[in-house]
Amino acid sequence: MAKAFLSHSSKDKELVEKIALQLGKNNCHYDKFTFEAGNLTIEEIFNGLEDSDIFVFFISKSSLESPWVKREISTAKGLISKQIIARMFPIIIDKTIDHNNPLIPDWIKKPYNLKYFNNEVLILKKIRQLLNESNLNKYSHLREINELFVGRHDLMQDFERKLITIDNQKPTCIIASSFFDGIGRRTFLKNALVRTKIIDKWYDPVPISISAKESIEDFIYKLNFVESVPEIFKHDFSKLDIGEKIVLAQKYIKQFLNNGEILLLIDEGSIILPNHTIVDWFKETISDPDLKNQVAICLVSKFKPYGPVIKKDKKCAKFSSR
């Protein structure tokens, strides 16, 4: 199976170790997992790099100045050119560094879109996505499983009809509910979004679950878990009216989308209510003009929304088997 080599400075170990532990020792080369304690050698680094499919470079002032990291980068460059390493993922984790830093090698600066990330959830998601891509490229049986779709043809046609229109207008929110046996709602959504070129086949959104007893305040806090915004904890929700909460929700959704993500909500009855109506705060939230004409949210719903409401409100598109 595909492995990622985590190239970093020891001074950045707090973040990198969190990511390594969640990836698991079978999916990455990380010094605590791979190299014998006190016995880190060039030979060990070469072996780890040659056994890797993805080279993840955590860019910081410390890593750019580290002799060990410089050797790893130099070795990785040669292995990438020989196609032994399939992909490189350079990521800035130090606020004092930008993409123009003179210590970043030109061969990394020019072809890669270097961005600052401080969110381990999104970093982990991207690495897993690259590993999935590498596995699918290497192993034909995984490609066959991934491309196997047993959904009904008429349901996929309905999806294409609603998303591919003459005026090219896209709904802000796609709702999937009440699917038939043999296919899950999330499976359908991913295949349909790939087929209509909203996402590529390697993309896997971060799911956010909303229980029946949760409300807009919980929704905002859960958005913050994925796209960390420390200022959110300065707000006293008890003193904010619903309009102010909606503005906050819209703000954090847009920050999430700016990172190229689609929001996947797993709703157990908070947004689509048991009486099949859509809760008012959610309808207002997705009415933000900045969210218009882009698929921003995929909502996997326990309850099927009332049809006429969806038809009247073009911000949503509903898909269901019955």
C-alpha atoms as a PDB file:
ATOM      1  CA  MET A   1       0.000   0.000   0.000  1.00  0.00           C
ATOM      2  CA  ALA A   2       1.062   3.610  -0.564  1.00  0.00           C
ATOM      3  CA  LYS A   3       3.170   5.402   2.047  1.00  0.00           C
ATOM      4  CA  ALA A   4       3.921   9.052   2.753  1.00  0.00           C
ATOM      5  CA  PHE A   5       7.352  10.281   3.851  1.00  0.00           C
ATOM      6  CA  LEU A   6       6.924  13.091   6.396  1.00  0.00           C
ATOM      7  CA  SER A   7       9.884  15.439   5.980  1.00  0.00           C
ATOM      8  CA  HIS A   8      10.080  17.943   8.832  1.00  0.00           C
ATOM      9  CA  SER A   9      12.251  19.612  11.426  1.00  0.00           C
ATOM     10  CA  SER A  10      12.316  18.139  14.921  1.00  0.00           C
ATOM     11  CA  LYS A  11      11.164  21.570  16.120  1.00  0.00           C
ATOM     12  CA  ASP A  12       7.858  21.014  14.282  1.00  0.00           C
ATOM     13  CA  LYS A  13       7.285  17.579  15.788  1.00  0.00           C
ATOM     14  CA  GLU A  14       4.170  18.537  17.783  1.00  0.00           C
ATOM     15  CA  LEU A  15       2.087  19.045  14.637  1.00  0.00           C
ATOM     16  CA  VAL A  16       3.729  16.361  12.495  1.00  0.00           C
ATOM     17  CA  GLU A  17       3.408  13.665  15.150  1.00  0.00           C
ATOM     18  CA  LYS A  18      -0.342  14.290  15.454  1.00  0.00           C
ATOM     19  CA  ILE A  19      -0.669  13.722  11.719  1.00  0.00           C
ATOM     20  CA  ALA A  20       1.629  10.664  11.743  1.00  0.00           C
ATOM     21  CA  LEU A  21      -0.335   9.013  14.548  1.00  0.00           C
ATOM     22  CA  GLN A  22      -3.606   9.474  12.672  1.00  0.00           C
ATOM     23  CA  LEU A  23      -2.122   8.201   9.400  1.00  0.00           C
ATOM     24  CA  GLY A  24      -0.767   5.139  11.207  1.00  0.00           C
ATOM     25  CA  LYS A  25       2.685   3.557  11.041  1.00  0.00           C
ATOM     26  CA  ASN A  26       1.771   1.385   8.036  1.00  0.00           C
ATOM     27  CA  ASN A  27       0.887   4.436   5.959  1.00  0.00           C
ATOM     28  CA  CYS A  28       3.813   6.753   6.572  1.00  0.00           C
ATOM     29  CA  HIS A  29       7.534   7.011   7.173  1.00  0.00           C
ATOM     30  CA  TYR A  30       7.999   9.068  10.312  1.00  0.00           C
ATOM     31  CA  ASP A  31      11.190   8.952  12.365  1.00  0.00           C
ATOM     32  CA  LYS A  32       9.479   7.672  15.540  1.00  0.00           C
ATOM     33  CA  PHE A  33       7.899   4.836  13.533  1.00  0.00           C
ATOM     34  CA  THR A  34      10.538   4.017  10.948  1.00  0.00           C
ATOM     35  CA  PHE A  35      14.023   4.821  12.179  1.00  0.00           C
ATOM     36  CA  GLU A  36      15.741   3.169  15.105  1.00  0.00           C
ATOM     37  CA  ALA A  37      16.149   5.427  18.113  1.00  0.00           C
ATOM     38  CA  GLY A  38      19.470   7.263  18.026  1.00  0.00           C
ATOM     39  CA  ASN A  39      20.422   5.593  14.755  1.00  0.00           C
ATOM     40  CA  LEU A  40      19.138   7.936  12.046  1.00  0.00           C
ATOM     41  CA  THR A  41      21.442   7.554   9.041  1.00  0.00           C
ATOM     42  CA  ILE A  42      21.513   8.618   5.420  1.00  0.00           C
ATOM     43  CA  GLU A  43      21.023   4.975   4.435  1.00  0.00           C
ATOM     44  CA  GLU A  44      17.851   4.761   6.524  1.00  0.00           C
ATOM     45  CA  ILE A  45      16.559   7.952   4.955  1.00  0.00           C
ATOM     46  CA  PHE A  46      17.263   6.603   1.458  1.00  0.00           C
ATOM     47  CA  ASN A  47      15.450   3.366   2.254  1.00  0.00           C
ATOM     48  CA  GLY A  48      12.453   5.237   3.647  1.00  0.00           C
ATOM     49  CA  LEU A  49      12.290   7.577   0.670  1.00  0.00           C
ATOM     50  CA  GLU A  50      12.603   4.776  -1.881  1.00  0.00           C
ATOM     51  CA  ASP A  51       9.726   2.994  -0.142  1.00  0.00           C
ATOM     52  CA  SER A  52       7.492   6.083  -0.310  1.00  0.00           C
ATOM     53  CA  ASP A  53       4.897   7.200  -2.829  1.00  0.00           C
ATOM     54  CA  ILE A  54       4.212  10.689  -1.451  1.00  0.00           C
ATOM     55  CA  PHE A  55       6.848  13.127  -0.160  1.00  0.00           C
ATOM     56  CA  VAL A  56       5.252  15.535   2.319  1.00  0.00           C
ATOM     57  CA  PHE A  57       7.456  18.552   3.029  1.00  0.00           C
ATOM     58  CA  PHE A  58       6.436  20.549   6.114  1.00  0.00           C
ATOM     59  CA  ILE A  59       7.918  23.961   5.353  1.00  0.00           C
ATOM     60  CA  SER A  60       9.080  26.103   8.262  1.00  0.00           C
ATOM     61  CA  LYS A  61      12.112  28.227   9.050  1.00  0.00           C
ATOM     62  CA  SER A  62      13.514  25.318  11.043  1.00  0.00           C
ATOM     63  CA  SER A  63      13.001  22.727   8.310  1.00  0.00           C
ATOM     64  CA  LEU A  64      14.482  24.977   5.618  1.00  0.00           C
ATOM     65  CA  GLU A  65      17.608  25.379   7.745  1.00  0.00           C
ATOM     66  CA  SER A  66      17.862  21.706   8.777  1.00  0.00           C
ATOM     67  CA  PRO A  67      20.757  19.743   7.193  1.00  0.00           C
ATOM     68  CA  TRP A  68      18.731  16.507   7.484  1.00  0.00           C
ATOM     69  CA  VAL A  69      15.704  17.996   5.722  1.00  0.00           C
ATOM     70  CA  LYS A  70      17.914  19.461   2.978  1.00  0.00           C
ATOM     71  CA  ARG A  71      19.279  15.963   2.308  1.00  0.00           C
ATOM     72  CA  GLU A  72      15.767  14.524   2.241  1.00  0.00           C
ATOM     73  CA  ILE A  73      14.616  17.177  -0.228  1.00  0.00           C
ATOM     74  CA  SER A  74      17.610  16.615  -2.483  1.00  0.00           C
ATOM     75  CA  THR A  75      17.095  12.850  -2.464  1.00  0.00           C
ATOM     76  CA  ALA A  76      13.360  13.194  -3.027  1.00  0.00           C
ATOM     77  CA  LYS A  77      13.947  15.404  -6.066  1.00  0.00           C
ATOM     78  CA  GLY A  78      15.939  12.637  -7.749  1.00  0.00           C
ATOM     79  CA  LEU A  79      13.392   9.965  -6.849  1.00  0.00           C
ATOM     80  CA  ILE A  80      10.536  12.106  -8.168  1.00  0.00           C
ATOM     81  CA  SER A  81      12.368  12.584 -11.476  1.00  0.00           C
ATOM     82  CA  LYS A  82      12.786   8.785 -11.684  1.00  0.00           C
ATOM     83  CA  GLN A  83       9.074   8.361 -10.813  1.00  0.00           C
ATOM     84  CA  ILE A  84       9.946   6.271  -7.752  1.00  0.00           C
ATOM     85  CA  ILE A  85       8.120   8.859  -5.652  1.00  0.00           C
ATOM     86  CA  ALA A  86       4.821   9.632  -7.362  1.00  0.00           C
ATOM     87  CA  ARG A  87       3.875  12.963  -5.805  1.00  0.00           C
ATOM     88  CA  MET A  88       5.181  15.763  -3.637  1.00  0.00           C
ATOM     89  CA  PHE A  89       3.052  17.741  -1.199  1.00  0.00           C
ATOM     90  CA  PRO A  90       4.863  20.842   0.110  1.00  0.00           C
ATOM     91  CA  ILE A  91       2.950  22.714   2.796  1.00  0.00           C
ATOM     92  CA  ILE A  92       3.853  25.852   4.745  1.00  0.00           C
ATOM     93  CA  ILE A  93       3.244  25.459   8.497  1.00  0.00           C
ATOM     94  CA  ASP A  94       5.160  28.539   9.660  1.00  0.00           C
ATOM     95  CA  LYS A  95       3.490  31.970   9.528  1.00  0.00           C
ATOM     96  CA  THR A  96       6.888  33.660   9.126  1.00  0.00           C
ATOM     97  CA  ILE A  97       7.450  31.864   5.798  1.00  0.00           C
ATOM     98  CA  ASP A  98       5.784  32.674   2.474  1.00  0.00           C
ATOM     99  CA  HIS A  99       6.065  31.139  -0.999  1.00  0.00           C
ATOM    100  CA  ASN A 100       8.764  33.644  -2.019  1.00  0.00           C
ATOM    101  CA  ASN A 101      11.170  32.678   0.755  1.00  0.00           C
ATOM    102  CA  PRO A 102      14.673  32.394  -0.764  1.00  0.00           C
ATOM    103  CA  LEU A 103      15.404  29.215   1.219  1.00  0.00           C
ATOM    104  CA  ILE A 104      12.683  27.299  -0.646  1.00  0.00           C
ATOM    105  CA  PRO A 105      14.281  25.597  -3.669  1.00  0.00           C
ATOM    106  CA  ASP A 106      13.098  26.954  -7.024  1.00  0.00           C
ATOM    107  CA  TRP A 107      12.013  23.506  -8.198  1.00  0.00           C
ATOM    108  CA  ILE A 108       9.503  23.491  -5.329  1.00  0.00           C
ATOM    109  CA  LYS A 109       8.447  27.148  -5.619  1.00  0.00           C
ATOM    110  CA  LYS A 110       7.502  27.231  -9.254  1.00  0.00           C
ATOM    111  CA  PRO A 111       5.212  24.249  -9.951  1.00  0.00           C
ATOM    112  CA  TYR A 112       3.543  24.020  -6.536  1.00  0.00           C
ATOM    113  CA  ASN A 113       0.852  26.246  -5.069  1.00  0.00           C
ATOM    114  CA  LEU A 114       2.453  26.831  -1.683  1.00  0.00           C
ATOM    115  CA  LYS A 115      -0.037  27.773   1.031  1.00  0.00           C
ATOM    116  CA  TYR A 116       0.038  28.214   4.770  1.00  0.00           C
ATOM    117  CA  PHE A 117      -2.009  25.664   6.718  1.00  0.00           C
ATOM    118  CA  ASN A 118      -2.305  25.365  10.474  1.00  0.00           C
ATOM    119  CA  ASN A 119      -5.191  22.921  10.520  1.00  0.00           C
ATOM    120  CA  GLU A 120      -4.171  19.311  11.075  1.00  0.00           C
ATOM    121  CA  VAL A 121      -7.600  18.040   9.931  1.00  0.00           C
ATOM    122  CA  LEU A 122      -7.220  19.508   6.442  1.00  0.00           C
ATOM    123  CA  ILE A 123      -3.531  18.553   6.194  1.00  0.00           C
ATOM    124  CA  LEU A 124      -4.369  14.979   7.163  1.00  0.00           C
ATOM    125  CA  LYS A 125      -7.254  14.907   4.693  1.00  0.00           C
ATOM    126  CA  LYS A 126      -5.023  16.049   1.827  1.00  0.00           C
ATOM    127  CA  ILE A 127      -2.327  13.459   2.599  1.00  0.00           C
ATOM    128  CA  ARG A 128      -4.937  10.692   2.765  1.00  0.00           C
ATOM    129  CA  GLN A 129      -6.369  11.889  -0.534  1.00  0.00           C
ATOM    130  CA  LEU A 130      -2.931  11.670  -2.190  1.00  0.00           C
ATOM    131  CA  LEU A 131      -2.378   8.192  -0.719  1.00  0.00           C
ATOM    132  CA  ASN A 132      -5.752   7.051  -2.056  1.00  0.00           C
ATOM    133  CA  GLU A 133      -4.846   8.399  -5.480  1.00  0.00           C
ATOM    134  CA  SER A 134      -1.525   6.570  -5.410  1.00  0.00           C
ATOM    135  CA  ASN A 135      -3.175   3.297  -4.344  1.00  0.00           C
ATOM    136  CA  LEU A 136      -5.727   3.540  -7.122  1.00  0.00           C
ATOM    137  CA  ASN A 137      -2.993   4.194  -9.681  1.00  0.00           C
ATOM    138  CA  LYS A 138      -0.894   1.256  -8.468  1.00  0.00           C
ATOM    139  CA  TYR A 139      -3.494  -1.429  -7.909  1.00  0.00           C
ATOM    140  CA  SER A 140      -5.977  -2.292 -10.650  1.00  0.00           C
ATOM    141  CA  HIS A 141      -8.374  -4.137  -8.331  1.00  0.00           C
ATOM    142  CA  LEU A 142      -8.815  -0.966  -6.244  1.00  0.00           C
ATOM    143  CA  ARG A 143      -9.630   1.033  -9.384  1.00  0.00           C
ATOM    144  CA  GLU A 144     -12.303  -1.488 -10.287  1.00  0.00           C
ATOM    145  CA  ILE A 145     -13.836  -1.282  -6.801  1.00  0.00           C
ATOM    146  CA  ASN A 146     -13.709   2.519  -6.796  1.00  0.00           C
ATOM    147  CA  GLU A 147     -15.330   2.831 -10.216  1.00  0.00           C
ATOM    148  CA  LEU A 148     -18.017   0.233  -9.521  1.00  0.00           C
ATOM    149  CA  PHE A 149     -21.310   2.053  -9.086  1.00  0.00           C
ATOM    150  CA  VAL A 150     -24.517   0.094  -8.671  1.00  0.00           C
ATOM    151  CA  GLY A 151     -26.865   3.057  -8.525  1.00  0.00           C
ATOM    152  CA  ARG A 152     -29.886   3.412 -10.716  1.00  0.00           C
ATOM    153  CA  HIS A 153     -29.376   5.050 -14.082  1.00  0.00           C
ATOM    154  CA  ASP A 154     -32.479   7.245 -13.754  1.00  0.00           C
ATOM    155  CA  LEU A 155     -31.235   8.738 -10.470  1.00  0.00           C
ATOM    156  CA  MET A 156     -27.904   9.716 -12.035  1.00  0.00           C
ATOM    157  CA  GLN A 157     -29.722  11.211 -15.022  1.00  0.00           C
ATOM    158  CA  ASP A 158     -31.846  13.262 -12.639  1.00  0.00           C
ATOM    159  CA  PHE A 159     -28.695  14.563 -10.952  1.00  0.00           C
ATOM    160  CA  GLU A 160     -27.139  15.569 -14.267  1.00  0.00           C
ATOM    161  CA  ARG A 161     -30.350  17.242 -15.400  1.00  0.00           C
ATOM    162  CA  LYS A 162     -30.499  19.411 -12.277  1.00  0.00           C
ATOM    163  CA  LEU A 163     -26.801  20.344 -12.230  1.00  0.00           C
ATOM    164  CA  ILE A 164     -26.096  20.719 -15.936  1.00  0.00           C
ATOM    165  CA  THR A 165     -28.477  23.392 -17.223  1.00  0.00           C
ATOM    166  CA  ILE A 166     -28.619  25.801 -20.152  1.00  0.00           C
ATOM    167  CA  ASP A 167     -27.920  28.823 -17.927  1.00  0.00           C
ATOM    168  CA  ASN A 168     -25.184  26.854 -16.076  1.00  0.00           C
ATOM    169  CA  GLN A 169     -26.639  27.764 -12.676  1.00  0.00           C
ATOM    170  CA  LYS A 170     -25.640  25.467  -9.819  1.00  0.00           C
ATOM    171  CA  PRO A 171     -27.561  24.895  -6.561  1.00  0.00           C
ATOM    172  CA  THR A 172     -25.782  25.935  -3.361  1.00  0.00           C
ATOM    173  CA  CYS A 173     -26.944  22.840  -1.486  1.00  0.00           C
ATOM    174  CA  ILE A 174     -27.457  19.267  -2.717  1.00  0.00           C
ATOM    175  CA  ILE A 175     -29.667  17.091  -0.511  1.00  0.00           C
ATOM    176  CA  ALA A 176     -29.544  13.291  -0.634  1.00  0.00           C
ATOM    177  CA  SER A 177     -32.106  11.225   1.286  1.00  0.00           C
ATOM    178  CA  SER A 178     -34.083   7.949   1.311  1.00  0.00           C
ATOM    179  CA  PHE A 179     -31.793   5.895  -0.895  1.00  0.00           C
ATOM    180  CA  PHE A 180     -32.480   2.413  -2.090  1.00  0.00           C
ATOM    181  CA  ASP A 181     -30.871  -0.801  -0.851  1.00  0.00           C
ATOM    182  CA  GLY A 182     -27.343  -1.460  -2.066  1.00  0.00           C
ATOM    183  CA  ILE A 183     -26.106   2.130  -2.306  1.00  0.00           C
ATOM    184  CA  GLY A 184     -25.440   4.782   0.312  1.00  0.00           C
ATOM    185  CA  ARG A 185     -26.269   8.457   0.013  1.00  0.00           C
ATOM    186  CA  ARG A 186     -22.633   9.481   0.332  1.00  0.00           C
ATOM    187  CA  THR A 187     -21.580   6.968  -2.338  1.00  0.00           C
ATOM    188  CA  PHE A 188     -24.160   8.357  -4.717  1.00  0.00           C
ATOM    189  CA  LEU A 189     -23.156  11.959  -4.045  1.00  0.00           C
ATOM    190  CA  LYS A 190     -19.461  11.328  -4.636  1.00  0.00           C
ATOM    191  CA  ASN A 191     -20.034   9.465  -7.902  1.00  0.00           C
ATOM    192  CA  ALA A 192     -22.517  12.042  -9.131  1.00  0.00           C
ATOM    193  CA  LEU A 193     -20.236  14.978  -8.260  1.00  0.00           C
ATOM    194  CA  VAL A 194     -17.323  13.306 -10.036  1.00  0.00           C
ATOM    195  CA  ARG A 195     -19.454  12.588 -13.093  1.00  0.00           C
ATOM    196  CA  THR A 196     -20.603  16.226 -13.322  1.00  0.00           C
ATOM    197  CA  LYS A 197     -17.002  17.463 -12.711  1.00  0.00           C
ATOM    198  CA  ILE A 198     -17.837  19.306  -9.494  1.00  0.00           C
ATOM    199  CA  ILE A 199     -15.015  17.346  -7.808  1.00  0.00           C
ATOM    200  CA  ASP A 200     -12.306  15.009  -9.058  1.00  0.00           C
ATOM    201  CA  LYS A 201     -12.352  11.300  -8.280  1.00  0.00           C
ATOM    202  CA  TRP A 202      -9.609  11.613  -5.645  1.00  0.00           C
ATOM    203  CA  TYR A 203     -11.504  14.138  -3.554  1.00  0.00           C
ATOM    204  CA  ASP A 204     -12.993  13.046  -0.229  1.00  0.00           C
ATOM    205  CA  PRO A 205     -14.813  15.731   1.798  1.00  0.00           C
ATOM    206  CA  VAL A 206     -14.550  16.047   5.572  1.00  0.00           C
ATOM    207  CA  PRO A 207     -17.918  15.005   7.076  1.00  0.00           C
ATOM    208  CA  ILE A 208     -19.611  17.008   9.830  1.00  0.00           C
ATOM    209  CA  SER A 209     -22.400  15.254  11.741  1.00  0.00           C
ATOM    210  CA  ILE A 210     -25.349  17.230  13.137  1.00  0.00           C
ATOM    211  CA  SER A 211     -27.624  15.416  15.588  1.00  0.00           C
ATOM    212  CA  ALA A 212     -31.336  16.042  15.956  1.00  0.00           C
ATOM    213  CA  LYS A 213     -30.864  18.079  19.139  1.00  0.00           C
ATOM    214  CA  GLU A 214     -28.199  20.409  17.748  1.00  0.00           C
ATOM    215  CA  SER A 215     -28.751  23.894  16.343  1.00  0.00           C
ATOM    216  CA  ILE A 216     -26.957  26.681  14.500  1.00  0.00           C
ATOM    217  CA  GLU A 217     -24.588  27.268  17.448  1.00  0.00           C
ATOM    218  CA  ASP A 218     -23.401  23.646  17.250  1.00  0.00           C
ATOM    219  CA  PHE A 219     -23.123  23.944  13.472  1.00  0.00           C
ATOM    220  CA  ILE A 220     -20.812  26.966  13.832  1.00  0.00           C
ATOM    221  CA  TYR A 221     -18.616  25.264  16.435  1.00  0.00           C
ATOM    222  CA  LYS A 222     -18.305  22.151  14.259  1.00  0.00           C
ATOM    223  CA  LEU A 223     -17.275  24.260  11.279  1.00  0.00           C
ATOM    224  CA  ASN A 224     -14.588  25.708  13.525  1.00  0.00           C
ATOM    225  CA  PHE A 225     -13.302  22.220  14.308  1.00  0.00           C
ATOM    226  CA  VAL A 226     -12.451  21.725  10.636  1.00  0.00           C
ATOM    227  CA  GLU A 227     -11.444  25.277   9.730  1.00  0.00           C
ATOM    228  CA  SER A 228      -9.991  26.631  12.966  1.00  0.00           C
ATOM    229  CA  VAL A 229     -10.868  30.266  13.714  1.00  0.00           C
ATOM    230  CA  PRO A 230      -9.859  31.089  17.325  1.00  0.00           C
ATOM    231  CA  GLU A 231     -11.947  34.269  17.408  1.00  0.00           C
ATOM    232  CA  ILE A 232     -15.127  32.186  17.472  1.00  0.00           C
ATOM    233  CA  PHE A 233     -14.646  31.561  21.188  1.00  0.00           C
ATOM    234  CA  LYS A 234     -14.895  35.295  21.846  1.00  0.00           C
ATOM    235  CA  HIS A 235     -18.580  35.245  20.911  1.00  0.00           C
ATOM    236  CA  ASP A 236     -21.268  34.854  23.557  1.00  0.00           C
ATOM    237  CA  PHE A 237     -24.033  33.138  21.606  1.00  0.00           C
ATOM    238  CA  SER A 238     -26.550  33.857  24.355  1.00  0.00           C
ATOM    239  CA  LYS A 239     -26.231  37.558  23.511  1.00  0.00           C
ATOM    240  CA  LEU A 240     -26.436  37.174  19.715  1.00  0.00           C
ATOM    241  CA  ASP A 241     -29.718  37.194  17.809  1.00  0.00           C
ATOM    242  CA  ILE A 242     -30.390  34.637  15.064  1.00  0.00           C
ATOM    243  CA  GLY A 243     -29.402  37.095  12.322  1.00  0.00           C
ATOM    244  CA  GLU A 244     -25.954  37.591  13.847  1.00  0.00           C
ATOM    245  CA  LYS A 245     -25.492  33.826  14.179  1.00  0.00           C
ATOM    246  CA  ILE A 246     -26.420  33.331  10.531  1.00  0.00           C
ATOM    247  CA  VAL A 247     -23.828  35.934   9.486  1.00  0.00           C
ATOM    248  CA  LEU A 248     -21.194  34.039  11.495  1.00  0.00           C
ATOM    249  CA  ALA A 249     -22.202  30.719   9.917  1.00  0.00           C
ATOM    250  CA  GLN A 250     -21.980  32.259   6.442  1.00  0.00           C
ATOM    251  CA  LYS A 251     -18.553  33.723   7.223  1.00  0.00           C
ATOM    252  CA  TYR A 252     -17.094  30.402   8.357  1.00  0.00           C
ATOM    253  CA  ILE A 253     -18.622  28.467   5.452  1.00  0.00           C
ATOM    254  CA  LYS A 254     -16.934  30.859   3.021  1.00  0.00           C
ATOM    255  CA  GLN A 255     -13.597  30.482   4.801  1.00  0.00           C
ATOM    256  CA  PHE A 256     -14.009  26.722   4.490  1.00  0.00           C
ATOM    257  CA  LEU A 257     -14.795  26.998   0.759  1.00  0.00           C
ATOM    258  CA  ASN A 258     -11.783  29.242   0.168  1.00  0.00           C
ATOM    259  CA  ASN A 259      -9.602  26.196   0.854  1.00  0.00           C
ATOM    260  CA  GLY A 260     -11.265  24.376  -2.044  1.00  0.00           C
ATOM    261  CA  GLU A 261     -13.495  22.245   0.175  1.00  0.00           C
ATOM    262  CA  ILE A 262     -17.133  21.206  -0.142  1.00  0.00           C
ATOM    263  CA  LEU A 263     -19.039  20.971   3.126  1.00  0.00           C
ATOM    264  CA  LEU A 264     -20.514  17.499   3.747  1.00  0.00           C
ATOM    265  CA  LEU A 265     -23.198  17.543   6.442  1.00  0.00           C
ATOM    266  CA  ILE A 266     -24.597  14.326   7.900  1.00  0.00           C
ATOM    267  CA  ASP A 267     -27.959  15.474   9.261  1.00  0.00           C
ATOM    268  CA  GLU A 268     -29.904  13.356  11.746  1.00  0.00           C
ATOM    269  CA  GLY A 269     -32.892  15.688  11.972  1.00  0.00           C
ATOM    270  CA  SER A 270     -31.557  19.148  12.841  1.00  0.00           C
ATOM    271  CA  ILE A 271     -31.648  20.702   9.356  1.00  0.00           C
ATOM    272  CA  ILE A 272     -34.289  18.601   7.600  1.00  0.00           C
ATOM    273  CA  LEU A 273     -36.842  18.173  10.353  1.00  0.00           C
ATOM    274  CA  PRO A 274     -38.989  15.065  10.971  1.00  0.00           C
ATOM    275  CA  ASN A 275     -41.954  16.973   9.470  1.00  0.00           C
ATOM    276  CA  HIS A 276     -39.911  17.208   6.214  1.00  0.00           C
ATOM    277  CA  THR A 277     -39.365  20.975   6.319  1.00  0.00           C
ATOM    278  CA  ILE A 278     -35.998  22.738   6.181  1.00  0.00           C
ATOM    279  CA  VAL A 279     -35.144  24.674   9.340  1.00  0.00           C
ATOM    280  CA  ASP A 280     -35.262  28.448   8.820  1.00  0.00           C
ATOM    281  CA  TRP A 281     -31.709  29.220   9.976  1.00  0.00           C
ATOM    282  CA  PHE A 282     -30.243  26.875   7.373  1.00  0.00           C
ATOM    283  CA  LYS A 283     -32.349  28.338   4.566  1.00  0.00           C
ATOM    284  CA  GLU A 284     -31.163  31.822   5.521  1.00  0.00           C
ATOM    285  CA  THR A 285     -27.555  30.691   5.805  1.00  0.00           C
ATOM    286  CA  ILE A 286     -27.374  29.323   2.257  1.00  0.00           C
ATOM    287  CA  SER A 287     -29.058  32.465   0.905  1.00  0.00           C
ATOM    288  CA  ASP A 288     -25.769  34.377   1.069  1.00  0.00           C
ATOM    289  CA  PRO A 289     -25.172  35.893  -2.415  1.00  0.00           C
ATOM    290  CA  ASP A 290     -21.496  34.870  -2.206  1.00  0.00           C
ATOM    291  CA  LEU A 291     -22.572  31.216  -2.209  1.00  0.00           C
ATOM    292  CA  LYS A 292     -24.705  31.591  -5.325  1.00  0.00           C
ATOM    293  CA  ASN A 293     -24.057  29.381  -8.352  1.00  0.00           C
ATOM    294  CA  GLN A 294     -21.618  27.002  -6.673  1.00  0.00           C
ATOM    295  CA  VAL A 295     -22.108  23.665  -4.963  1.00  0.00           C
ATOM    296  CA  ALA A 296     -21.043  24.603  -1.444  1.00  0.00           C
ATOM    297  CA  ILE A 297     -22.858  22.037   0.722  1.00  0.00           C
ATOM    298  CA  CYS A 298     -23.811  18.378   0.318  1.00  0.00           C
ATOM    299  CA  LEU A 299     -26.433  17.412   2.869  1.00  0.00           C
ATOM    300  CA  VAL A 300     -26.991  13.731   3.644  1.00  0.00           C
ATOM    301  CA  SER A 301     -30.368  13.774   5.354  1.00  0.00           C
ATOM    302  CA  LYS A 302     -32.174  11.246   7.533  1.00  0.00           C
ATOM    303  CA  PHE A 303     -35.488  12.769   6.454  1.00  0.00           C
ATOM    304  CA  LYS A 304     -36.742  13.495   2.966  1.00  0.00           C
ATOM    305  CA  PRO A 305     -37.518  17.234   2.487  1.00  0.00           C
ATOM    306  CA  TYR A 306     -40.943  18.308   1.248  1.00  0.00           C
ATOM    307  CA  GLY A 307     -40.791  18.424  -2.556  1.00  0.00           C
ATOM    308  CA  PRO A 308     -42.654  21.670  -3.399  1.00  0.00           C
ATOM    309  CA  VAL A 309     -40.427  23.699  -1.059  1.00  0.00           C
ATOM    310  CA  ILE A 310     -37.298  22.474  -2.858  1.00  0.00           C
ATOM    311  CA  LYS A 311     -38.746  23.160  -6.303  1.00  0.00           C
ATOM    312  CA  LYS A 312     -39.603  26.729  -5.305  1.00  0.00           C
ATOM    313  CA  ASP A 313     -36.213  27.354  -3.722  1.00  0.00           C
ATOM    314  CA  LYS A 314     -33.594  26.999  -6.465  1.00  0.00           C
ATOM    315  CA  LYS A 315     -30.765  27.170  -3.930  1.00  0.00           C
ATOM    316  CA  CYS A 316     -31.316  23.456  -3.193  1.00  0.00           C
ATOM    317  CA  ALA A 317     -31.434  20.325  -5.334  1.00  0.00           C
ATOM    318  CA  LYS A 318     -32.938  17.143  -3.858  1.00  0.00           C
ATOM    319  CA  PHE A 319     -32.147  13.531  -4.809  1.00  0.00           C
ATOM    320  CA  SER A 320     -34.016  10.536  -3.480  1.00  0.00           C
ATOM    321  CA  SER A 321     -34.976   7.060  -4.659  1.00  0.00           C
ATOM    322  CA  ARG A 322     -38.527   7.198  -3.398  1.00  0.00           C
END
